[in-house]
Structures are given as structure tokens and as C-alpha cells.
Amino acid sequence: MHRRHPEIDPQLLSETDEQRQLRTALRDLYAEASGVEEVRKHLATPRGYDEALWGRLAGEIGVHGLAIPEEYGGSGFTFAELAVALEESGRALYCAPLLPAVVLAANALLFSGDRTACERYLPRIADGTLTATVAGFGPGGPGGLDESGEPGVTAEQGANGWVLRGQADFVLDGAGADLLLVRAGTPAGPRIFACEPVPDTCRRTPRRVLDETRRQALVEFGGAPATAVGTAEGVEGTVSATLDTGRAALAAEQVGGSGHALDATVAFVAQRHQFGRPIGSFQAVKHRLADVLVALEAARSGSAYATACAAIASPQLSVAACAAAVVCSETFRLATAEYVQLHGGIGFTWEHPAHLYVRRARGAEVLFGTADQHRTRLAGLVGLAGRPAA
């Protein structure tokens, strides 16, 4: 059971000067190169995002390698710096696969402790030349388990090594990623495998999803060659830590998106006039925006705590990640709902960006499990599961 009152250095919850500088640089870059119109334009391309901007983020700012150790080609910072980048990407609705590649895949490799796999793949993730994702990391994760609770993908020994068979659905960036890290069942239990997919043995079908800025796909393996990553004993620990880090990352994105929704709505109600005065001066509008602000501050606190736990590899990460997932999902839903409502008639139009944030909010709140699932898991983690209601 986890301690109910964990000890975290308060300084870890505050932003450093370097992190503020990183935030400013990223916000300026996104304002210059990744506005809403650019996002719409690139959604129609084969990869769904601006590959030139992806290269700039990796090369000019080093976003991809922020939390990757220097020995593997990264900058050697912590998850705290990466969380700043994720928050700004969520604010700008950046649609490149930062979450699956830089968070999930990179951390799965690091948590596995497999130096050979890390040396092979992490330098290319850090420099932006390799995109990657995970599959079969369920339940509560993208491309999860089948109805029986077993991995939907199995691995067997072929003449030339391991091969994968089966399928994983709704895999983040599953149709375009260069590398798949797959949790697959074997006769001796589940293992994690690295697969560089080729069309002959790996069929990838894009899924139609609500949030087009975060692509997902059905991945079907038909004897795809793969290499085992890590040890059999460490699989479940790797999967759990990877998903909790993903939840912390998603919470940072949701805080950024919520911040954009609130700022855009405040700006609109200040300049939109009715009855000779700004609509933001009406008490009812003030109350609704105040509710969003209060929720956003709670989300910032939850996200900051989860980020701090991920940055220092705290044993409290699972508790923090579940709590952040609940509060940040609900805040993003509220902020985007008011984004639409308080923009009046134009907020409902296809041309206005509000609906893109609504779709991101709805997709994100179930990406790593629903709020109810997180609450149930959290109750178990802190020892409250099974107790009668007060």
C-alpha cells in the first residue's frame, strides 16, 4: 500500500528558470509554425503532421532527447523538462507523435534496462529520425489486451528468431511509426519485443477516430520478425511504469489545452459586446470562467505532482498519475465545453478551432483508461478498495 502523505521536495513543484526559457522558446515556435490552420493543413497529409517542424523540435530545441540520458544521445534532463514541452504542445494542439515516440516508446526502452536496445533505438528517437510507439500495453493503455485479458499478440520462435502473430487495435501512430514495441504472449509468459514493421508481415490499417490530431491504427502481425527487449521478469514493471509516465505526460498536455481554451475564451468575452458592454462583464459569464480557472489550478497542481514523481522515479508515481489523470481530464472537458459555449454561435462552427480542442479532450480522457477506472485503481493503491462508504 502507498503512503497517503508522500514526501516530495516542494522545489520540484516549481518551474525553474531553464524551464521557463524552454516554455517561451516553444510557445514562440508553435505560434510561428503550428497555428490552427497549419494543424488543419497537415492533418490531410500522409503522416498527419509537419515533418519539418518535427525536425526543428528535435534539432533546434532538442525536445525529443530532453529526458533521454546523454549516453543514448539525449540531453540528460528529466521528465520535468519534457513535461514543459508536452504542455506547450497540448496548448498548440501539436499533432505529431510526441506522446507515443518520445514518452511511451523511449521510456519503455529505458525501463526495460536493455542496453543493446537502448543503444540501437534511443539515439534515433532523440534526433527525430525514428518514430516509435507501443502496442499491447493494456489494460488501460493504447492497443491493449483482448477480451480474455491476454495480449492480443503472441510471439513464437521461428527459424531465424522470434516472430509475432495476432493484432493490436487503436495503437497510437500505429500506421506510421518506424518501430513498434509490442507486449506479446509467449509459452513462458509475456515479453516485450521490438518490431520494425514491413508490409509483408505487418498490416497497418488507420482507424477513424474522434480526435484526428492523434492518429491510431489496427496493427496485424503475420509472422513479423521481432527482437526480445529486456527480461521476462521485468515485463510487468516496465509496462506499468511506462503507462504511468504516459498518464503524467498526457496530464501535462491536458493542462496546456485547458489553458489555451480559457485564455481564448477570456479574450473573446472581453471584446464581444452585447447591450453596449462586453459580455465578459456579465456576472453569469464571470462565474463560469471562474469555475474553469479554479479547475485549471487544481489540474496544474495534479500535473505538477505527477511530473515531479516521474522526474525522480518516485514510488508514488502510480498514485500521482491516477490522480492527475482524473483531475486533468475533467478540467480539459470543462474548459473545452465553455470554449464552445461562451463563443456563442461561432463556437459551434467547423471553421472555429474550438471543436478540435473538444475532440482532443474527449479522446484524451479515455486514452489510458476512464476516470472511473483511475479512481478504482487509486482506491486500491491507497488501501481504500473494499471499504464501506462513509
Protein backbone atom coordinates (compact mmCIF):
# COMPACT_ATOMS: atom_id res chain seq x y z
CA MET A 1 0.00 0.00 0.00
CA HIS A 2 1.20 3.52 -0.82
CA ARG A 3 1.66 6.17 1.84
CA ARG A 4 -1.19 8.67 1.92
CA HIS A 5 1.08 11.61 2.67
CA PRO A 6 4.17 11.22 0.46
CA GLU A 7 7.18 13.45 0.90
CA ILE A 8 8.08 15.49 -2.19
CA ASP A 9 10.55 18.36 -2.18
CA PRO A 10 8.37 21.46 -2.81
CA GLN A 11 11.05 22.84 -5.13
CA LEU A 12 10.24 20.03 -7.56
CA LEU A 13 6.77 21.53 -7.97
CA SER A 14 8.09 24.92 -9.07
CA GLU A 15 9.29 25.88 -12.53
CA THR A 16 13.00 26.66 -12.90
CA ASP A 17 14.46 29.50 -14.96
CA GLU A 18 15.61 26.99 -17.60
CA GLN A 19 12.12 25.52 -17.84
CA ARG A 20 10.60 28.99 -18.24
CA GLN A 21 13.05 29.73 -21.04
CA LEU A 22 12.17 26.44 -22.70
CA ARG A 23 8.46 27.27 -22.43
CA THR A 24 8.98 30.69 -24.02
CA ALA A 25 11.02 29.26 -26.90
CA LEU A 26 8.45 26.56 -27.60
CA ARG A 27 5.47 28.90 -27.40
CA ASP A 28 7.14 31.26 -29.87
CA LEU A 29 7.96 28.39 -32.22
CA TYR A 30 4.44 26.97 -32.14
CA ALA A 31 2.96 30.44 -32.69
CA GLU A 32 5.20 30.84 -35.72
CA ALA A 33 4.89 27.39 -37.31
CA SER A 34 1.98 25.46 -35.80
CA GLY A 35 -1.15 27.56 -35.70
CA VAL A 36 -4.60 26.06 -36.13
CA GLU A 37 -4.55 26.49 -39.90
CA GLU A 38 -1.22 24.67 -40.12
CA VAL A 39 -2.64 21.87 -37.99
CA ARG A 40 -5.66 21.54 -40.30
CA LYS A 41 -3.44 21.54 -43.38
CA HIS A 42 -1.12 18.83 -42.13
CA LEU A 43 -3.94 16.58 -40.96
CA ALA A 44 -4.59 15.92 -44.65
CA THR A 45 -1.02 14.72 -45.31
CA PRO A 46 0.05 11.04 -45.20
CA ARG A 47 1.82 11.39 -41.82
CA GLY A 48 -0.64 13.87 -40.38
CA TYR A 49 1.86 16.39 -39.04
CA ASP A 50 4.52 18.89 -40.13
CA GLU A 51 7.66 16.79 -40.54
CA ALA A 52 9.81 19.91 -40.95
CA LEU A 53 8.64 21.21 -37.57
CA TRP A 54 9.25 17.76 -36.07
CA GLY A 55 12.86 18.06 -37.23
CA ARG A 56 13.18 21.57 -35.83
CA LEU A 57 11.89 20.49 -32.43
CA ALA A 58 14.45 17.70 -32.34
CA GLY A 59 17.36 19.65 -33.83
CA GLU A 60 16.98 23.26 -32.74
CA ILE A 61 15.44 22.78 -29.28
CA GLY A 62 16.19 19.14 -28.56
CA VAL A 63 12.70 18.29 -27.32
CA HIS A 64 12.89 14.62 -28.27
CA GLY A 65 16.03 13.99 -26.24
CA LEU A 66 15.22 16.07 -23.16
CA ALA A 67 14.58 13.10 -20.87
CA ILE A 68 16.91 10.65 -22.64
CA PRO A 69 20.31 10.09 -20.95
CA GLU A 70 23.38 11.54 -22.64
CA GLU A 71 24.86 8.07 -23.12
CA TYR A 72 21.97 7.33 -25.51
CA GLY A 73 22.18 10.57 -27.45
CA GLY A 74 19.86 12.68 -25.31
CA SER A 75 20.35 15.81 -23.23
CA GLY A 76 20.20 14.09 -19.85
CA PHE A 77 17.50 16.30 -18.32
CA THR A 78 14.45 14.88 -16.54
CA PHE A 79 10.79 14.32 -17.23
CA ALA A 80 10.14 17.76 -15.71
CA GLU A 81 11.66 19.46 -18.76
CA LEU A 82 9.82 17.15 -21.13
CA ALA A 83 6.55 17.95 -19.35
CA VAL A 84 7.05 21.64 -20.21
CA ALA A 85 7.35 20.70 -23.88
CA LEU A 86 4.27 18.48 -23.66
CA GLU A 87 2.20 21.20 -22.02
CA GLU A 88 3.09 23.64 -24.79
CA SER A 89 2.36 21.04 -27.46
CA GLY A 90 -1.05 20.47 -25.88
CA ARG A 91 -1.68 24.19 -25.82
CA ALA A 92 -0.88 24.45 -29.55
CA LEU A 93 -2.71 21.19 -30.39
CA TYR A 94 0.52 19.93 -31.95
CA CYS A 95 -0.38 16.74 -33.80
CA ALA A 96 2.99 14.96 -34.18
CA PRO A 97 3.56 11.70 -32.24
CA LEU A 98 5.46 13.11 -29.27
CA LEU A 99 3.41 11.06 -26.80
CA PRO A 100 3.89 7.62 -28.41
CA ALA A 101 7.50 8.11 -29.52
CA VAL A 102 9.20 10.40 -27.03
CA VAL A 103 7.23 9.38 -23.94
CA LEU A 104 5.91 5.83 -24.30
CA ALA A 105 8.44 4.12 -26.56
CA ALA A 106 11.51 5.90 -25.18
CA ASN A 107 10.54 5.19 -21.59
CA ALA A 108 9.64 1.58 -22.34
CA LEU A 109 13.17 1.11 -23.65
CA LEU A 110 14.70 2.83 -20.62
CA PHE A 111 12.56 0.95 -18.10
CA SER A 112 13.41 -2.36 -19.77
CA GLY A 113 17.08 -1.92 -18.86
CA ASP A 114 18.11 -3.44 -22.20
CA ARG A 115 21.29 -1.53 -23.09
CA THR A 116 21.53 -3.07 -26.54
CA ALA A 117 18.02 -1.97 -27.49
CA CYS A 118 18.57 1.47 -25.94
CA GLU A 119 21.80 1.99 -27.85
CA ARG A 120 20.13 0.91 -31.08
CA TYR A 121 16.96 2.99 -30.91
CA LEU A 122 17.17 5.85 -28.41
CA PRO A 123 19.74 7.99 -30.31
CA ARG A 124 17.44 7.99 -33.34
CA ILE A 125 14.40 8.83 -31.24
CA ALA A 126 16.38 11.69 -29.68
CA ASP A 127 17.43 13.18 -33.02
CA GLY A 128 13.96 12.81 -34.53
CA THR A 129 14.87 10.34 -37.25
CA LEU A 130 12.93 7.44 -35.72
CA THR A 131 9.28 7.43 -34.73
CA ALA A 132 8.12 4.69 -32.39
CA THR A 133 5.12 3.53 -30.40
CA VAL A 134 3.92 0.78 -28.07
CA ALA A 135 1.25 -1.87 -28.54
CA GLY A 136 -0.38 -4.36 -26.21
CA PHE A 137 0.44 -2.30 -23.12
CA GLY A 138 -3.03 -2.78 -21.64
CA PRO A 139 -5.37 -2.76 -19.89
CA GLY A 140 -5.89 0.96 -19.73
CA GLY A 141 -3.36 1.57 -22.47
CA PRO A 142 -3.39 2.06 -26.23
CA GLY A 143 -3.52 -1.17 -28.19
CA GLY A 144 -4.46 -3.13 -25.10
CA LEU A 145 -5.44 -6.68 -24.21
CA ASP A 146 -8.15 -8.83 -25.74
CA GLU A 147 -11.46 -9.68 -24.02
CA SER A 148 -9.86 -12.57 -22.08
CA GLY A 149 -7.31 -10.24 -20.53
CA GLU A 150 -4.46 -11.77 -22.52
CA PRO A 151 -2.19 -9.97 -25.02
CA GLY A 152 -3.75 -9.87 -28.48
CA VAL A 153 -0.32 -10.60 -29.95
CA THR A 154 1.69 -13.78 -29.43
CA ALA A 155 5.35 -14.49 -30.13
CA GLU A 156 6.84 -17.76 -31.24
CA GLN A 157 10.30 -18.95 -32.09
CA GLY A 158 10.84 -19.18 -35.85
CA ALA A 159 13.76 -20.49 -37.85
CA ASN A 160 15.50 -17.12 -37.63
CA GLY A 161 14.31 -15.93 -34.25
CA TRP A 162 11.10 -14.55 -32.77
CA VAL A 163 8.08 -13.76 -34.93
CA LEU A 164 4.84 -12.02 -33.93
CA ARG A 165 1.27 -13.06 -34.73
CA GLY A 166 -2.07 -11.55 -33.80
CA GLN A 167 -3.29 -7.98 -33.61
CA ALA A 168 -3.36 -4.84 -31.50
CA ASP A 169 -6.03 -2.22 -32.09
CA PHE A 170 -6.08 1.55 -31.63
CA VAL A 171 -2.30 1.79 -31.48
CA LEU A 172 -1.09 5.38 -31.27
CA ASP A 173 0.65 6.32 -34.53
CA GLY A 174 0.38 2.65 -35.39
CA ALA A 175 0.14 3.23 -39.14
CA GLY A 176 3.26 5.37 -39.43
CA ALA A 177 5.70 4.50 -36.64
CA ASP A 178 9.07 3.10 -37.70
CA LEU A 179 9.37 0.97 -34.55
CA LEU A 180 6.76 -0.96 -32.58
CA LEU A 181 7.41 -2.09 -29.00
CA VAL A 182 4.93 -4.88 -28.50
CA ARG A 183 3.88 -6.74 -25.37
CA ALA A 184 3.24 -10.26 -26.64
CA GLY A 185 2.43 -13.56 -25.03
CA THR A 186 4.91 -16.45 -25.16
CA PRO A 187 4.73 -20.00 -23.76
CA ALA A 188 6.81 -18.77 -20.81
CA GLY A 189 4.73 -15.62 -20.22
CA PRO A 190 4.55 -12.14 -21.72
CA ARG A 191 7.61 -10.42 -23.14
CA ILE A 192 8.30 -7.09 -24.85
CA PHE A 193 9.50 -7.21 -28.44
CA ALA A 194 10.91 -4.63 -30.81
CA CYS A 195 9.49 -4.88 -34.33
CA GLU A 196 10.44 -2.75 -37.31
CA PRO A 197 7.33 -3.37 -39.43
CA VAL A 198 7.36 -4.23 -43.12
CA PRO A 199 4.21 -4.59 -45.28
CA ASP A 200 4.72 -8.31 -45.98
CA THR A 201 4.36 -9.35 -42.35
CA CYS A 202 2.70 -6.38 -40.67
CA ARG A 203 -0.55 -4.90 -41.92
CA ARG A 204 -1.44 -1.49 -40.52
CA THR A 205 -4.91 -0.03 -41.01
CA PRO A 206 -5.67 3.54 -39.86
CA ARG A 207 -8.74 3.80 -37.65
CA ARG A 208 -11.28 6.56 -37.93
CA VAL A 209 -11.17 8.26 -34.53
CA LEU A 210 -12.81 11.29 -32.95
CA ASP A 211 -9.52 13.16 -32.47
CA GLU A 212 -7.86 13.31 -35.87
CA THR A 213 -4.83 15.06 -34.38
CA ARG A 214 -3.86 11.83 -32.59
CA ARG A 215 -3.86 9.04 -35.14
CA GLN A 216 -4.49 5.42 -34.21
CA ALA A 217 -4.42 2.18 -36.17
CA LEU A 218 -5.15 -1.53 -36.17
CA VAL A 219 -1.85 -3.43 -36.41
CA GLU A 220 -1.99 -7.05 -37.58
CA PHE A 221 1.10 -9.24 -37.33
CA GLY A 222 1.54 -12.21 -39.64
CA GLY A 223 4.91 -13.64 -38.75
CA ALA A 224 6.63 -10.29 -38.29
CA PRO A 225 10.30 -10.64 -37.21
CA ALA A 226 10.98 -9.24 -33.76
CA THR A 227 13.68 -8.98 -31.12
CA ALA A 228 13.08 -9.53 -27.42
CA VAL A 229 13.66 -6.46 -25.25
CA GLY A 230 14.54 -6.73 -21.57
CA THR A 231 13.88 -9.74 -19.37
CA ALA A 232 10.74 -11.78 -18.81
CA GLU A 233 10.77 -10.89 -15.11
CA GLY A 234 10.73 -7.17 -15.76
CA VAL A 235 7.88 -7.00 -18.28
CA GLU A 236 5.01 -6.02 -16.00
CA GLY A 237 7.10 -3.45 -14.15
CA THR A 238 8.17 -1.91 -17.46
CA VAL A 239 4.61 -1.80 -18.78
CA SER A 240 3.19 -0.30 -15.58
CA ALA A 241 5.90 2.37 -15.28
CA THR A 242 5.55 3.25 -18.97
CA LEU A 243 1.79 3.70 -18.74
CA ASP A 244 2.03 5.79 -15.56
CA THR A 245 4.63 8.01 -17.22
CA GLY A 246 2.28 8.28 -20.19
CA ARG A 247 -0.54 9.37 -17.88
CA ALA A 248 1.68 12.06 -16.37
CA ALA A 249 2.62 13.21 -19.87
CA LEU A 250 -0.99 13.29 -21.02
CA ALA A 251 -1.94 15.31 -17.93
CA ALA A 252 0.64 17.94 -18.90
CA GLU A 253 -0.85 18.07 -22.42
CA GLN A 254 -4.34 18.47 -20.97
CA VAL A 255 -3.23 21.37 -18.77
CA GLY A 256 -1.83 23.10 -21.85
CA GLY A 257 -5.02 22.56 -23.84
CA SER A 258 -7.15 23.77 -20.93
CA GLY A 259 -5.00 26.87 -20.61
CA HIS A 260 -5.48 27.70 -24.28
CA ALA A 261 -9.25 27.21 -24.05
CA LEU A 262 -9.51 29.53 -21.04
CA ASP A 263 -7.24 32.22 -22.49
CA ALA A 264 -9.04 32.21 -25.85
CA THR A 265 -12.43 32.43 -24.17
CA VAL A 266 -11.41 35.27 -21.85
CA ALA A 267 -10.05 37.23 -24.83
CA PHE A 268 -13.29 36.69 -26.75
CA VAL A 269 -15.69 37.72 -23.97
CA ALA A 270 -13.63 40.86 -23.38
CA GLN A 271 -14.12 42.08 -26.96
CA ARG A 272 -17.60 40.69 -27.78
CA HIS A 273 -20.28 43.27 -26.93
CA GLN A 274 -23.98 42.88 -26.18
CA PHE A 275 -26.32 45.58 -24.82
CA GLY A 276 -23.49 48.08 -25.09
CA ARG A 277 -20.98 46.26 -22.87
CA PRO A 278 -18.53 43.33 -23.11
CA ILE A 279 -20.25 40.03 -22.40
CA GLY A 280 -17.39 39.22 -20.03
CA SER A 281 -18.75 41.88 -17.69
CA PHE A 282 -21.92 39.87 -17.04
CA GLN A 283 -21.89 38.06 -13.72
CA ALA A 284 -23.01 34.72 -15.14
CA VAL A 285 -20.11 34.68 -17.60
CA LYS A 286 -17.66 35.65 -14.85
CA HIS A 287 -18.84 32.77 -12.68
CA ARG A 288 -18.41 30.23 -15.47
CA LEU A 289 -14.91 31.41 -16.28
CA ALA A 290 -14.02 31.46 -12.57
CA ASP A 291 -15.07 27.81 -12.35
CA VAL A 292 -12.73 26.95 -15.21
CA LEU A 293 -9.88 28.87 -13.60
CA VAL A 294 -10.32 27.07 -10.28
CA ALA A 295 -10.40 23.71 -12.05
CA LEU A 296 -7.32 24.63 -14.08
CA GLU A 297 -5.33 25.50 -10.97
CA ALA A 298 -6.26 22.12 -9.47
CA ALA A 299 -5.18 20.44 -12.71
CA ARG A 300 -1.87 22.30 -12.67
CA SER A 301 -1.23 21.04 -9.14
CA GLY A 302 -2.10 17.47 -10.04
CA SER A 303 0.04 17.57 -13.16
CA ALA A 304 2.98 19.16 -11.32
CA TYR A 305 2.90 16.43 -8.66
CA ALA A 306 2.78 13.65 -11.26
CA THR A 307 5.60 15.32 -13.19
CA ALA A 308 7.76 15.56 -10.07
CA CYS A 309 7.17 11.89 -9.28
CA ALA A 310 8.09 10.88 -12.84
CA ALA A 311 11.18 13.09 -12.78
CA ILE A 312 12.64 11.39 -9.70
CA ALA A 313 11.22 7.91 -10.38
CA SER A 314 9.22 8.10 -7.16
CA PRO A 315 7.31 5.00 -6.00
CA GLN A 316 4.35 7.38 -5.68
CA LEU A 317 4.16 7.80 -9.46
CA SER A 318 1.24 5.41 -9.88
CA VAL A 319 -0.82 7.30 -7.27
CA ALA A 320 0.12 10.69 -8.71
CA ALA A 321 -0.53 9.59 -12.30
CA CYS A 322 -4.01 8.27 -11.48
CA ALA A 323 -4.95 11.42 -9.58
CA ALA A 324 -3.65 13.65 -12.37
CA ALA A 325 -5.48 11.62 -14.99
CA VAL A 326 -8.80 12.21 -13.22
CA VAL A 327 -8.48 15.90 -12.44
CA CYS A 328 -6.82 16.92 -15.71
CA SER A 329 -9.30 15.01 -17.86
CA GLU A 330 -12.27 16.60 -16.12
CA THR A 331 -10.71 20.06 -16.32
CA PHE A 332 -9.99 19.73 -20.04
CA ARG A 333 -13.57 18.59 -20.67
CA LEU A 334 -14.96 21.59 -18.73
CA ALA A 335 -12.61 24.11 -20.33
CA THR A 336 -13.37 23.00 -23.86
CA ALA A 337 -17.13 22.90 -23.21
CA GLU A 338 -17.01 26.53 -22.07
CA TYR A 339 -14.73 27.33 -25.01
CA VAL A 340 -17.58 26.34 -27.31
CA GLN A 341 -20.49 27.68 -25.27
CA LEU A 342 -19.12 31.12 -24.47
CA HIS A 343 -18.14 31.72 -28.09
CA GLY A 344 -21.83 31.53 -28.91
CA GLY A 345 -22.83 30.61 -32.47
CA ILE A 346 -19.32 30.70 -33.92
CA GLY A 347 -18.10 28.23 -31.30
CA PHE A 348 -20.18 25.52 -32.93
CA THR A 349 -18.84 26.02 -36.44
CA TRP A 350 -16.41 23.75 -38.23
CA GLU A 351 -14.20 26.74 -39.07
CA HIS A 352 -13.60 27.66 -35.43
CA PRO A 353 -10.77 25.81 -33.62
CA ALA A 354 -12.86 25.05 -30.52
CA HIS A 355 -14.14 21.73 -31.87
CA LEU A 356 -10.58 20.50 -32.41
CA TYR A 357 -9.85 21.00 -28.72
CA VAL A 358 -13.15 19.37 -27.76
CA ARG A 359 -12.18 16.31 -29.80
CA ARG A 360 -8.72 16.22 -28.22
CA ALA A 361 -10.28 16.46 -24.75
CA ARG A 362 -12.76 13.65 -25.38
CA GLY A 363 -10.13 11.40 -26.90
CA ALA A 364 -7.56 12.06 -24.18
CA GLU A 365 -9.89 11.32 -21.27
CA VAL A 366 -10.16 7.64 -22.26
CA LEU A 367 -6.71 7.12 -23.77
CA PHE A 368 -5.15 5.41 -20.73
CA GLY A 369 -8.38 4.38 -19.04
CA THR A 370 -11.52 6.20 -17.95
CA ALA A 371 -11.79 8.44 -14.90
CA ASP A 372 -13.78 5.74 -13.09
CA GLN A 373 -11.06 3.18 -13.79
CA HIS A 374 -8.42 5.56 -12.45
CA ARG A 375 -10.47 6.18 -9.30
CA THR A 376 -10.86 2.44 -8.73
CA ARG A 377 -7.14 1.87 -9.19
CA LEU A 378 -6.32 4.82 -6.94
CA ALA A 379 -8.55 3.46 -4.19
CA GLY A 380 -6.68 0.18 -4.34
CA LEU A 381 -3.29 1.87 -4.30
CA VAL A 382 -4.06 3.86 -1.13
CA GLY A 383 -5.81 0.98 0.60
CA LEU A 384 -9.41 2.18 0.31
CA ALA A 385 -10.75 -0.50 -2.02
CA GLY A 386 -13.48 -2.58 -0.44
CA ARG A 387 -14.17 -0.19 2.44
CA PRO A 388 -17.78 0.84 3.06
CA ALA A 389 -18.75 4.35 2.02
CA ALA A 390 -18.61 6.93 4.75
